[in-house]
Amino acid sequence: MARNVAIGVQDFETLITNDYFYIDKTNFIKEWWEAGDAVTLITRPRRFEKP
């Protein structure tokens, strides 16, 4: 059975409990940090982590 993409879900526990598709970007962040670029733009999803 195919996994669903959790659009709008901002809670890790909900992602795991409902077996939603999740991509861990930890290594990407490490590589980006070590690249040492002068300027980097990182955007966040709208209303992400806001009460």
N, C-alpha and C. Protein backbone atom coordinates (compact mmCIF):
# COMPACT_ATOMS: atom_id res chain seq x y z
N MET A 1 0.84 -1.19 0.00
CA MET A 1 0.00 0.00 0.00
C MET A 1 0.88 1.24 0.00
N ALA A 2 0.53 2.23 -0.77
CA ALA A 2 1.31 3.47 -0.88
C ALA A 2 1.10 4.32 0.37
N ARG A 3 2.15 5.04 0.74
CA ARG A 3 2.06 5.94 1.89
C ARG A 3 1.55 7.29 1.44
N ASN A 4 0.83 7.96 2.31
CA ASN A 4 0.31 9.29 2.02
C ASN A 4 1.34 10.35 2.37
N VAL A 5 1.32 11.42 1.60
CA VAL A 5 2.14 12.59 1.91
C VAL A 5 1.33 13.47 2.84
N ALA A 6 1.92 13.82 3.96
CA ALA A 6 1.20 14.60 4.98
C ALA A 6 1.33 16.09 4.69
N ILE A 7 0.43 16.62 3.94
CA ILE A 7 0.44 18.04 3.63
C ILE A 7 -0.23 18.79 4.77
N GLY A 8 0.49 19.73 5.36
CA GLY A 8 -0.06 20.52 6.44
C GLY A 8 0.17 19.95 7.83
N VAL A 9 0.69 18.72 7.93
CA VAL A 9 0.97 18.13 9.24
C VAL A 9 2.31 18.66 9.72
N GLN A 10 2.33 19.25 10.93
CA GLN A 10 3.54 19.86 11.45
C GLN A 10 4.03 19.17 12.72
N ASP A 11 3.47 18.04 13.04
CA ASP A 11 3.79 17.34 14.27
C ASP A 11 4.44 16.00 13.94
N PHE A 12 5.67 15.79 14.42
CA PHE A 12 6.41 14.57 14.11
C PHE A 12 5.68 13.33 14.61
N GLU A 13 5.08 13.42 15.78
CA GLU A 13 4.36 12.27 16.34
C GLU A 13 3.21 11.84 15.42
N THR A 14 2.49 12.80 14.86
CA THR A 14 1.39 12.49 13.94
C THR A 14 1.93 11.84 12.67
N LEU A 15 3.07 12.32 12.18
CA LEU A 15 3.68 11.71 10.98
C LEU A 15 3.98 10.24 11.21
N ILE A 16 4.59 9.94 12.35
CA ILE A 16 4.99 8.57 12.63
C ILE A 16 3.78 7.69 12.94
N THR A 17 2.86 8.18 13.77
CA THR A 17 1.70 7.35 14.16
C THR A 17 0.82 6.99 12.98
N ASN A 18 0.66 7.91 12.05
CA ASN A 18 -0.19 7.65 10.89
C ASN A 18 0.57 7.10 9.69
N ASP A 19 1.86 6.82 9.89
CA ASP A 19 2.71 6.22 8.84
C ASP A 19 2.73 7.06 7.57
N TYR A 20 2.82 8.39 7.75
CA TYR A 20 2.93 9.28 6.60
C TYR A 20 4.34 9.24 6.03
N PHE A 21 4.46 9.63 4.77
CA PHE A 21 5.76 9.71 4.10
C PHE A 21 6.57 10.84 4.71
N TYR A 22 7.82 10.55 5.09
CA TYR A 22 8.67 11.54 5.75
C TYR A 22 10.09 11.45 5.20
N ILE A 23 10.71 12.59 4.94
CA ILE A 23 12.09 12.62 4.46
C ILE A 23 12.95 13.32 5.50
N ASP A 24 13.96 12.63 5.98
CA ASP A 24 14.87 13.19 6.98
C ASP A 24 15.96 13.96 6.24
N LYS A 25 16.06 15.26 6.49
CA LYS A 25 17.03 16.12 5.80
C LYS A 25 18.25 16.45 6.66
N THR A 26 18.50 15.66 7.70
CA THR A 26 19.60 15.93 8.61
C THR A 26 20.94 16.01 7.88
N ASN A 27 21.22 15.05 7.01
CA ASN A 27 22.49 15.06 6.27
C ASN A 27 22.58 16.25 5.31
N PHE A 28 21.45 16.63 4.72
CA PHE A 28 21.43 17.79 3.83
C PHE A 28 21.83 19.05 4.59
N ILE A 29 21.30 19.22 5.79
CA ILE A 29 21.62 20.40 6.60
C ILE A 29 23.09 20.41 6.97
N LYS A 30 23.64 19.25 7.31
CA LYS A 30 25.06 19.15 7.65
C LYS A 30 25.93 19.55 6.45
N GLU A 31 25.61 19.02 5.28
CA GLU A 31 26.37 19.36 4.07
C GLU A 31 26.27 20.85 3.76
N TRP A 32 25.07 21.41 3.90
CA TRP A 32 24.87 22.84 3.65
C TRP A 32 25.71 23.67 4.61
N TRP A 33 25.71 23.30 5.87
CA TRP A 33 26.44 24.04 6.89
C TRP A 33 27.94 24.01 6.61
N GLU A 34 28.44 22.85 6.23
CA GLU A 34 29.88 22.70 5.98
C GLU A 34 30.33 23.32 4.67
N ALA A 35 29.40 23.61 3.76
CA ALA A 35 29.75 24.20 2.47
C ALA A 35 30.32 25.61 2.63
N GLY A 36 29.86 26.33 3.66
CA GLY A 36 30.40 27.65 3.94
C GLY A 36 30.05 28.72 2.91
N ASP A 37 28.89 28.60 2.27
CA ASP A 37 28.46 29.62 1.31
C ASP A 37 28.29 30.98 1.99
N ALA A 38 28.53 32.04 1.24
CA ALA A 38 28.42 33.39 1.80
C ALA A 38 26.96 33.76 2.10
N VAL A 39 26.05 33.35 1.22
CA VAL A 39 24.65 33.68 1.40
C VAL A 39 23.81 32.45 1.09
N THR A 40 22.84 32.18 1.95
CA THR A 40 21.92 31.08 1.73
C THR A 40 20.53 31.51 2.17
N LEU A 41 19.54 31.23 1.36
CA LEU A 41 18.16 31.55 1.70
C LEU A 41 17.44 30.25 2.06
N ILE A 42 16.97 30.18 3.29
CA ILE A 42 16.20 29.02 3.73
C ILE A 42 14.81 29.51 4.11
N THR A 43 13.82 29.06 3.39
CA THR A 43 12.45 29.47 3.68
C THR A 43 11.76 28.40 4.50
N ARG A 44 10.67 28.77 5.13
CA ARG A 44 9.88 27.82 5.91
C ARG A 44 8.46 27.81 5.37
N PRO A 45 7.77 26.70 5.55
CA PRO A 45 6.39 26.66 5.10
C PRO A 45 5.55 27.71 5.82
N ARG A 46 4.53 28.17 5.18
CA ARG A 46 3.64 29.19 5.76
C ARG A 46 3.05 28.67 7.07
N ARG A 47 3.08 29.49 8.10
CA ARG A 47 2.55 29.20 9.43
C ARG A 47 3.27 28.05 10.12
N PHE A 48 4.47 27.70 9.70
CA PHE A 48 5.20 26.58 10.31
C PHE A 48 5.63 26.95 11.73
N GLU A 49 5.28 26.09 12.67
CA GLU A 49 5.65 26.25 14.09
C GLU A 49 5.14 27.54 14.71
N LYS A 50 4.01 28.02 14.26
CA LYS A 50 3.39 29.18 14.89
C LYS A 50 2.18 28.71 15.67
N PRO A 51 1.93 29.32 16.81
CA PRO A 51 0.77 28.87 17.63
C PRO A 51 -0.55 29.16 16.98
